[in-house]
């Protein structure tokens, strides 16, 4: 059965381009089109995914139980100690709370939870309902802070206020209120903060070890395996390294303005970008011993994994992939990593990319690569069929699309359990891509048997 053309919604056409086309920049950084079933999440979800890995803090969702359930254990963020972050607390607002207000319930919940769990700080997330009924969350937080002697921070994350990206900013504002509140006399000049890595499957630990081997102290990890007291001392570091630019650039800029700490962007996905990230940090400090250690580290790690990756390269030569991720910066590294594996990128998109990000993607990709901002399920499915891809890289919401269309899938989102960062992460990524793309199960997929792709 032959494909029938799908008419894209008129309002969506400016958010879809091909890499080789000339003309206006792709339209982005706008509200999702009503009715398009966007893959994006809400402001509340954006704030939760950023703050969730602060492991010794209390995380209380002020709203209906569904919001807490939706974001329970939302990241595969591991802790080297406390597990408080994995408990999803909610004020569980009901009809009478909405009519009479939820401030008393919030106060009572906070006091009980702090007395029972003794957290180092508490984050209180405002949901849509709270924004509508007008609870004064700030005043409740201030009262509990005075009584309990710990930071109690209101996170203004009402879901209707914008998109997931606006939730990132709300989270950064909450984190910024902690920074600069403890002395930093014991922090050396060769020191950094790691921003925007969330210790998914232990990735922050991998990156932290690299810097320790280089002779650089990591003051705080914001927020992977994060500790409240470390964040309070983050202003003592000499450099901020921003991995997830969409979620953490706002905080890095605020710290640069207030404390004079410069920041650089980095990615730890793939051989090329991981090496560059480490060299960029070594070059910043311009310390010959650090530079020498960095060269030795990169040489050792690359030579350890390259022979193992080589066995996958021939089997994957010429295979095509589609990428749809949250931040466009992650897509840059994925395209390079796929090239390392002799694969092409036929479709690439993101939820939160800006115009500069999409211009970089256009320059990186082949001229017929489809580039899309804030895609919906129908569009993603259509692009996969049009390009006849062998692999889809995305998150939990994209997995069913791939499997229903008979395409291999690689989970590169925040729920995964396999580390994909650093040099060892590249080896894990290569192995996972190879196993899914070359699986014999795909030969039973009808569209692989037929010359024309069935609907």
Protein backbone atom coordinates (compact mmCIF):
# COMPACT_ATOMS: atom_id res chain seq x y z
CA UNK A 1 0.00 0.00 0.00
CA UNK A 2 1.48 3.32 -1.05
CA UNK A 3 1.97 6.23 1.33
CA UNK A 4 -0.53 9.06 1.09
CA UNK A 5 0.89 12.55 1.66
CA UNK A 6 0.23 14.07 5.05
CA UNK A 7 -0.67 17.76 5.05
CA UNK A 8 1.25 19.47 7.82
CA UNK A 9 -0.62 22.08 9.80
CA UNK A 10 -0.01 25.50 8.25
CA UNK A 11 1.18 26.95 11.58
CA UNK A 12 3.84 24.21 11.85
CA UNK A 13 5.52 24.63 8.49
CA UNK A 14 7.99 27.30 9.66
CA UNK A 15 9.25 24.91 12.35
CA UNK A 16 10.28 22.26 9.81
CA UNK A 17 13.22 22.65 7.42
CA UNK A 18 15.76 20.69 5.44
CA UNK A 19 19.42 21.33 6.10
CA UNK A 20 20.27 22.36 2.54
CA UNK A 21 17.50 24.93 2.10
CA UNK A 22 18.09 28.67 2.06
CA UNK A 23 15.86 31.35 3.53
CA UNK A 24 14.58 32.42 6.91
CA UNK A 25 15.78 30.74 10.09
CA UNK A 26 13.62 28.02 11.56
CA UNK A 27 10.81 29.25 13.79
CA UNK A 28 11.34 28.19 17.42
CA UNK A 29 11.10 29.21 21.08
CA UNK A 30 7.35 29.59 20.88
CA UNK A 31 4.32 28.05 22.53
CA UNK A 32 3.32 24.62 21.26
CA UNK A 33 0.48 24.66 18.76
CA UNK A 34 -2.82 23.78 20.40
CA UNK A 35 -4.03 20.39 19.21
CA UNK A 36 -0.66 19.30 17.80
CA UNK A 37 0.05 16.92 20.74
CA UNK A 38 3.54 18.30 21.32
CA UNK A 39 6.24 16.07 22.84
CA UNK A 40 7.10 18.87 25.27
CA UNK A 41 6.32 18.84 28.97
CA UNK A 42 5.03 21.69 31.16
CA UNK A 43 6.79 24.30 33.30
CA UNK A 44 6.34 22.21 36.44
CA UNK A 45 7.93 19.16 34.80
CA UNK A 46 10.87 21.28 33.60
CA UNK A 47 11.60 22.51 37.11
CA UNK A 48 11.29 19.01 38.56
CA UNK A 49 13.75 17.37 36.17
CA UNK A 50 16.39 19.98 37.04
CA UNK A 51 15.94 20.02 40.82
CA UNK A 52 15.07 16.36 41.37
CA UNK A 53 18.72 15.11 41.62
CA UNK A 54 19.46 17.32 44.67
CA UNK A 55 19.47 14.25 46.85
CA UNK A 56 19.48 15.64 50.40
CA UNK A 57 16.63 18.11 49.85
CA UNK A 58 12.92 17.65 50.43
CA UNK A 59 10.86 17.95 47.25
CA UNK A 60 7.20 18.78 47.94
CA UNK A 61 4.68 19.22 45.13
CA UNK A 62 1.95 21.65 46.13
CA UNK A 63 -1.02 20.57 44.06
CA UNK A 64 -3.15 17.55 43.10
CA UNK A 65 -1.66 14.10 43.52
CA UNK A 66 -1.48 13.59 39.75
CA UNK A 67 1.32 16.15 39.34
CA UNK A 68 3.49 14.33 41.89
CA UNK A 69 2.70 10.96 40.32
CA UNK A 70 3.59 12.27 36.85
CA UNK A 71 7.05 13.33 37.98
CA UNK A 72 7.84 10.59 40.50
CA UNK A 73 11.38 9.23 40.04
CA UNK A 74 11.48 11.21 36.82
CA UNK A 75 15.20 10.84 36.20
CA UNK A 76 17.54 7.87 36.43
CA UNK A 77 19.59 10.12 38.73
CA UNK A 78 21.68 8.11 41.15
CA UNK A 79 22.85 9.15 44.60
CA UNK A 80 26.04 8.22 46.43
CA UNK A 81 24.22 8.67 49.73
CA UNK A 82 20.79 10.11 50.60
CA UNK A 83 17.72 8.82 48.74
CA UNK A 84 15.26 11.49 49.86
CA UNK A 85 14.93 12.84 46.32
CA UNK A 86 13.32 9.58 45.20
CA UNK A 87 10.33 10.08 47.50
CA UNK A 88 7.53 12.01 45.82
CA UNK A 89 5.67 14.11 48.38
CA UNK A 90 2.47 16.01 47.60
CA UNK A 91 0.00 18.18 49.49
CA UNK A 92 -2.69 16.29 47.50
CA UNK A 93 -5.04 19.24 47.04
CA UNK A 94 -8.70 18.27 46.70
CA UNK A 95 -11.92 20.15 45.98
CA UNK A 96 -12.26 21.72 49.44
CA UNK A 97 -8.61 22.84 49.40
CA UNK A 98 -9.17 24.52 46.08
CA UNK A 99 -12.24 26.33 47.42
CA UNK A 100 -10.76 27.32 50.79
CA UNK A 101 -7.09 27.60 49.82
CA UNK A 102 -4.19 25.24 50.41
CA UNK A 103 -1.80 27.34 52.53
CA UNK A 104 -2.65 25.66 55.86
CA UNK A 105 -2.24 22.23 54.30
CA UNK A 106 1.09 23.26 52.80
CA UNK A 107 2.37 24.53 56.15
CA UNK A 108 1.30 21.40 58.00
CA UNK A 109 2.83 19.13 55.32
CA UNK A 110 6.14 21.00 55.40
CA UNK A 111 6.47 20.93 59.17
CA UNK A 112 5.68 17.21 59.38
CA UNK A 113 8.05 16.25 56.57
CA UNK A 114 10.95 18.36 57.84
CA UNK A 115 10.57 16.96 61.35
CA UNK A 116 10.54 13.39 60.03
CA UNK A 117 13.25 13.51 57.33
CA UNK A 118 15.55 16.37 58.47
CA UNK A 119 16.44 17.61 54.96
CA UNK A 120 19.16 20.18 54.27
CA UNK A 121 16.65 22.29 52.30
CA UNK A 122 13.12 22.07 50.90
CA UNK A 123 11.86 22.87 47.40
CA UNK A 124 8.13 23.63 47.12
CA UNK A 125 6.74 23.31 43.59
CA UNK A 126 3.68 25.36 42.64
CA UNK A 127 1.39 23.63 40.12
CA UNK A 128 -1.35 24.99 37.87
CA UNK A 129 -4.06 24.75 40.53
CA UNK A 130 -1.99 26.74 43.01
CA UNK A 131 -1.47 29.48 40.43
CA UNK A 132 -5.21 29.67 39.81
CA UNK A 133 -6.36 29.78 43.45
CA UNK A 134 -3.57 32.18 44.44
CA UNK A 135 -1.94 30.50 47.43
CA UNK A 136 0.83 32.66 48.92
CA UNK A 137 3.50 29.97 48.79
CA UNK A 138 6.32 32.45 49.43
CA UNK A 139 4.93 33.49 52.82
CA UNK A 140 4.45 29.88 53.92
CA UNK A 141 8.03 29.07 52.90
CA UNK A 142 9.37 32.11 54.78
CA UNK A 143 7.49 31.11 57.94
CA UNK A 144 8.75 27.51 57.88
CA UNK A 145 12.30 28.71 57.13
CA UNK A 146 12.26 30.86 60.29
CA UNK A 147 10.88 28.04 62.40
CA UNK A 148 13.05 25.19 61.10
CA UNK A 149 16.30 26.99 60.24
CA UNK A 150 16.79 25.50 56.76
CA UNK A 151 16.28 27.01 53.28
CA UNK A 152 12.66 26.56 52.20
CA UNK A 153 12.40 27.65 48.59
CA UNK A 154 9.28 28.33 46.52
CA UNK A 155 9.63 27.12 42.93
CA UNK A 156 7.27 29.13 40.74
CA UNK A 157 6.48 26.37 38.27
CA UNK A 158 2.79 26.69 37.47
CA UNK A 159 2.44 24.54 34.37
CA UNK A 160 0.35 26.97 32.32
CA UNK A 161 2.98 29.74 32.46
CA UNK A 162 4.95 28.45 29.47
CA UNK A 163 6.94 25.42 28.39
CA UNK A 164 9.42 23.02 29.91
CA UNK A 165 12.17 25.57 29.19
CA UNK A 166 10.46 28.11 31.48
CA UNK A 167 10.58 25.44 34.17
CA UNK A 168 14.36 25.32 33.78
CA UNK A 169 14.52 29.02 34.59
CA UNK A 170 12.30 28.58 37.65
CA UNK A 171 14.66 25.83 38.86
CA UNK A 172 17.73 28.02 38.24
CA UNK A 173 16.17 30.83 40.27
CA UNK A 174 15.62 28.39 43.13
CA UNK A 175 19.21 27.12 42.95
CA UNK A 176 20.59 30.66 42.71
CA UNK A 177 18.96 31.48 46.07
CA UNK A 178 21.22 28.85 47.66
CA UNK A 179 24.49 29.93 46.02
CA UNK A 180 26.75 32.20 48.06
CA UNK A 181 25.36 31.31 51.49
CA UNK A 182 28.35 29.39 52.94
CA UNK A 183 32.04 30.38 53.28
CA UNK A 184 34.52 29.15 50.65
CA UNK A 185 37.92 29.67 52.29
CA UNK A 186 38.99 26.05 51.74
CA UNK A 187 38.35 25.94 47.96
CA UNK A 188 41.50 25.96 45.74
CA UNK A 189 41.92 28.01 42.59
CA UNK A 190 41.91 24.88 40.39
CA UNK A 191 38.21 24.27 40.94
CA UNK A 192 35.02 23.95 38.91
CA UNK A 193 31.27 23.46 39.18
CA UNK A 194 29.65 20.91 36.86
CA UNK A 195 26.31 22.36 35.74
CA UNK A 196 23.63 20.57 33.76
CA UNK A 197 24.64 16.97 34.28
CA UNK A 198 22.09 15.01 36.29
CA UNK A 199 23.98 11.79 37.13
CA UNK A 200 21.80 9.65 34.92
CA UNK A 201 23.05 6.10 35.40
CA UNK A 202 26.04 7.55 37.29
CA UNK A 203 27.35 9.86 34.54
CA UNK A 204 28.29 12.68 36.91
CA UNK A 205 30.63 10.29 38.74
CA UNK A 206 32.38 9.46 35.45
CA UNK A 207 32.90 13.14 34.61
CA UNK A 208 33.95 14.03 38.15
CA UNK A 209 36.66 11.35 38.08
CA UNK A 210 38.09 12.84 34.88
CA UNK A 211 38.54 16.21 36.55
CA UNK A 212 40.02 14.66 39.66
CA UNK A 213 42.55 12.84 37.47
CA UNK A 214 43.37 16.18 35.84
CA UNK A 215 44.07 17.70 39.29
CA UNK A 216 40.94 19.84 39.42
CA UNK A 217 38.55 19.99 42.38
CA UNK A 218 34.82 19.73 41.68
CA UNK A 219 33.14 22.04 44.18
CA UNK A 220 29.55 21.16 43.30
CA UNK A 221 27.58 19.11 40.80
CA UNK A 222 24.41 20.95 39.88
CA UNK A 223 22.36 18.96 40.12
CA UNK A 224 23.49 15.34 39.61
CA UNK A 225 24.09 13.68 43.01
CA UNK A 226 23.82 17.26 44.26
CA UNK A 227 24.21 18.33 47.89
CA UNK A 228 22.66 21.48 49.28
CA UNK A 229 25.81 22.58 51.13
CA UNK A 230 27.96 22.11 48.02
CA UNK A 231 25.57 24.31 46.03
CA UNK A 232 25.82 26.92 48.78
CA UNK A 233 29.60 26.96 48.20
CA UNK A 234 29.42 26.97 44.40
CA UNK A 235 30.40 30.64 44.24
CA UNK A 236 33.90 29.65 45.37
CA UNK A 237 34.73 27.78 42.14
CA UNK A 238 36.85 29.37 39.43
CA UNK A 239 34.85 28.06 36.46
CA UNK A 240 31.36 26.82 35.63
CA UNK A 241 31.12 24.03 33.05
CA UNK A 242 27.67 23.92 31.49
CA UNK A 243 26.63 20.62 29.95
CA UNK A 244 22.88 21.08 29.38
CA UNK A 245 22.83 24.63 28.06
CA UNK A 246 19.04 24.84 27.92
CA UNK A 247 18.60 24.14 31.61
CA UNK A 248 21.67 25.76 33.18
CA UNK A 249 22.88 28.72 31.11
CA UNK A 250 20.56 31.03 33.06
CA UNK A 251 22.21 30.03 36.35
CA UNK A 252 25.72 30.28 34.86
CA UNK A 253 25.01 33.82 33.63
CA UNK A 254 23.62 34.87 37.01
CA UNK A 255 26.72 33.52 38.77
CA UNK A 256 28.98 35.26 36.27
CA UNK A 257 27.20 38.56 36.85
CA UNK A 258 27.15 38.32 40.65
CA UNK A 259 30.35 36.42 41.48
CA UNK A 260 32.48 36.93 38.36
CA UNK A 261 32.69 33.20 37.60
CA UNK A 262 33.10 32.60 33.85
CA UNK A 263 31.43 29.65 32.19
CA UNK A 264 32.06 27.46 29.18
CA UNK A 265 29.75 25.07 27.36
CA UNK A 266 30.71 21.44 27.21
CA UNK A 267 29.37 18.07 26.15
CA UNK A 268 30.50 14.69 27.42
CA UNK A 269 28.79 12.60 24.74
CA UNK A 270 31.09 11.03 22.19
CA UNK A 271 34.86 10.83 21.82
CA UNK A 272 35.25 14.17 20.06
CA UNK A 273 33.18 16.30 22.43
CA UNK A 274 34.36 14.62 25.64
CA UNK A 275 37.98 15.19 24.64
CA UNK A 276 37.25 18.81 23.72
CA UNK A 277 35.46 19.43 27.03
CA UNK A 278 38.44 18.23 29.05
CA UNK A 279 40.98 20.12 26.91
CA UNK A 280 38.91 23.33 27.12
CA UNK A 281 38.95 23.18 30.92
CA UNK A 282 42.72 22.48 30.97
CA UNK A 283 43.32 25.39 28.59
CA UNK A 284 41.23 27.70 30.78
CA UNK A 285 43.45 27.11 33.80
CA UNK A 286 46.61 27.18 31.68
CA UNK A 287 48.44 25.00 34.18
CA UNK A 288 51.10 22.84 32.54
CA UNK A 289 50.67 19.99 34.98
CA UNK A 290 46.91 19.95 34.39
CA UNK A 291 47.42 20.08 30.61
CA UNK A 292 49.88 17.20 30.75
CA UNK A 293 47.54 15.07 32.86
CA UNK A 294 44.65 15.83 30.50
CA UNK A 295 46.63 14.68 27.47
CA UNK A 296 47.54 11.44 29.21
CA UNK A 297 43.95 10.86 30.28
CA UNK A 298 42.48 11.39 26.80
CA UNK A 299 45.17 9.26 25.13
CA UNK A 300 44.63 6.40 27.55
CA UNK A 301 40.82 6.47 27.39
CA UNK A 302 40.55 6.81 23.62
CA UNK A 303 43.04 4.02 22.96
CA UNK A 304 41.13 1.81 25.35
CA UNK A 305 37.76 2.10 23.60
CA UNK A 306 38.60 2.60 19.90
CA UNK A 307 39.50 -1.04 19.12
CA UNK A 308 36.24 -2.15 20.75
CA UNK A 309 34.18 0.38 18.78
CA UNK A 310 35.84 -0.57 15.50
CA UNK A 311 34.02 -3.91 15.41
CA UNK A 312 30.66 -2.09 15.26
CA UNK A 313 31.59 0.45 12.59
CA UNK A 314 31.48 -1.82 9.54
CA UNK A 315 28.16 -3.39 10.50
CA UNK A 316 26.62 0.09 10.90
CA UNK A 317 28.09 1.72 7.79
CA UNK A 318 25.46 3.63 5.83
CA UNK A 319 22.67 3.08 8.35
CA UNK A 320 20.39 6.05 8.99
CA UNK A 321 19.17 7.54 12.26
CA UNK A 322 16.53 9.96 13.49
CA UNK A 323 17.22 12.05 16.62
CA UNK A 324 14.65 13.82 18.78
CA UNK A 325 15.87 15.13 22.13
CA UNK A 326 15.10 17.85 24.66
CA UNK A 327 18.06 20.19 24.17
CA UNK A 328 19.63 20.79 20.76
CA UNK A 329 23.14 20.82 22.25
CA UNK A 330 22.79 17.10 22.93
CA UNK A 331 21.89 16.58 19.27
CA UNK A 332 25.24 18.07 18.18
CA UNK A 333 27.14 15.37 20.04
CA UNK A 334 24.84 12.61 18.83
CA UNK A 335 25.41 13.54 15.19
CA UNK A 336 29.18 13.38 15.73
CA UNK A 337 28.91 10.08 17.60
CA UNK A 338 26.82 8.57 14.80
CA UNK A 339 29.47 9.65 12.29
CA UNK A 340 32.06 7.87 14.40
CA UNK A 341 29.92 4.75 13.86
CA UNK A 342 29.66 5.38 10.08
CA UNK A 343 25.98 6.31 10.37
CA UNK A 344 24.03 9.20 8.82
CA UNK A 345 21.54 11.49 10.53
CA UNK A 346 18.39 11.74 8.41
CA UNK A 347 16.10 13.52 10.91
CA UNK A 348 17.00 15.69 13.89
CA UNK A 349 14.88 17.79 16.20
CA UNK A 350 14.58 19.17 19.72
CA UNK A 351 12.03 20.48 22.17
CA UNK A 352 13.91 23.56 23.39
CA UNK A 353 16.44 24.59 20.70
CA UNK A 354 16.97 28.24 19.76
CA UNK A 355 17.73 29.81 16.38
CA UNK A 356 21.51 29.58 16.87
CA UNK A 357 21.22 25.89 17.73
CA UNK A 358 19.25 25.14 14.57
CA UNK A 359 21.71 27.04 12.40
CA UNK A 360 24.48 24.85 13.81
CA UNK A 361 22.42 21.75 13.07
CA UNK A 362 21.85 22.88 9.49
CA UNK A 363 25.59 23.34 9.04
CA UNK A 364 26.40 19.94 10.55
CA UNK A 365 23.86 17.82 8.67
CA UNK A 366 23.60 16.56 5.10
CA UNK A 367 21.59 18.82 2.82
CA UNK A 368 18.47 16.61 2.83
CA UNK A 369 18.33 16.08 6.61
CA UNK A 370 14.98 17.09 8.10
CA UNK A 371 15.28 19.53 11.02
CA UNK A 372 12.26 20.06 13.24
CA UNK A 373 11.43 22.11 16.32
CA UNK A 374 8.86 20.93 18.89
CA UNK A 375 7.67 17.97 16.80
CA UNK A 376 4.50 16.00 17.41
CA UNK A 377 3.98 12.26 17.15
CA UNK A 378 2.43 12.35 13.68
CA UNK A 379 5.34 14.35 12.25
CA UNK A 380 7.99 12.13 13.81
CA UNK A 381 6.31 8.99 12.50
CA UNK A 382 6.04 10.49 9.03
CA UNK A 383 9.70 11.53 8.93
CA UNK A 384 10.83 8.09 10.03
CA UNK A 385 8.86 6.51 7.19
CA UNK A 386 9.98 9.07 4.61
CA UNK A 387 13.65 8.61 5.43
CA UNK A 388 13.37 4.87 6.09
CA UNK A 389 15.65 5.16 9.13
CA UNK A 390 17.20 2.22 10.95
CA UNK A 391 17.45 3.86 14.37
CA UNK A 392 15.48 6.36 16.43
CA UNK A 393 17.24 8.10 19.33
CA UNK A 394 14.87 9.72 21.79
CA UNK A 395 13.18 9.33 25.15
CA UNK A 396 10.35 7.46 26.77
CA UNK A 397 7.67 9.23 24.72
CA UNK A 398 9.40 8.37 21.44
CA UNK A 399 10.05 4.69 22.14
CA UNK A 400 6.52 3.50 21.12
CA UNK A 401 6.80 5.38 17.82
CA UNK A 402 9.98 3.52 16.91
CA UNK A 403 8.77 0.07 17.87
CA UNK A 404 5.38 0.46 16.19
CA UNK A 405 7.15 1.39 12.95
CA UNK A 406 9.66 -1.45 13.23
CA UNK A 407 12.72 0.73 13.94
CA UNK A 408 15.56 0.17 16.40
CA UNK A 409 15.53 2.49 19.40
CA UNK A 410 18.20 4.01 21.66
CA UNK A 411 17.06 5.71 24.86
CA UNK A 412 19.04 8.92 25.33
CA UNK A 413 16.69 10.64 27.73
CA UNK A 414 16.64 11.06 31.49
CA UNK A 415 14.93 7.76 32.36
CA UNK A 416 17.69 5.50 31.03
CA UNK A 417 19.76 3.16 33.17
CA UNK A 418 22.91 2.92 31.02
CA UNK A 419 25.60 5.62 31.22
CA UNK A 420 26.28 7.21 27.83
CA UNK A 421 28.58 10.06 28.90
CA UNK A 422 32.35 10.07 28.77
CA UNK A 423 34.60 7.64 26.94
CA UNK A 424 33.09 4.55 28.52
CA UNK A 425 29.67 5.99 27.72
CA UNK A 426 30.60 6.15 24.04
CA UNK A 427 31.43 2.46 24.16
CA UNK A 428 28.06 1.74 25.80
CA UNK A 429 26.31 3.87 23.17
CA UNK A 430 28.09 2.07 20.32
CA UNK A 431 27.16 -1.32 21.73
CA UNK A 432 23.51 -0.35 22.24
CA UNK A 433 23.19 1.10 18.73
CA UNK A 434 24.79 -1.96 17.18
CA UNK A 435 22.59 -4.39 19.09
CA UNK A 436 19.32 -2.66 18.25
CA UNK A 437 20.07 -1.79 14.61
CA UNK A 438 21.36 -5.26 13.69
CA UNK A 439 18.76 -7.21 15.65
CA UNK A 440 17.31 -10.02 13.48
CA UNK A 441 13.80 -9.11 14.65
CA UNK A 442 13.58 -6.27 12.10
CA UNK A 443 13.57 -8.68 9.15
CA UNK A 444 10.06 -9.70 10.21
CA UNK A 445 8.75 -6.13 9.98
CA UNK A 446 6.37 -5.85 6.99
CA UNK A 447 7.83 -2.57 5.75
CA UNK A 448 11.27 -4.18 5.53
CA UNK A 449 9.87 -6.99 3.43
CA UNK A 450 7.95 -4.78 1.02
CA UNK A 451 9.44 -2.40 -1.52
CA UNK A 452 6.92 0.24 -0.59
CA UNK A 453 6.48 1.30 3.01
CA UNK A 454 3.00 0.35 4.29
CA UNK A 455 0.92 2.76 6.31
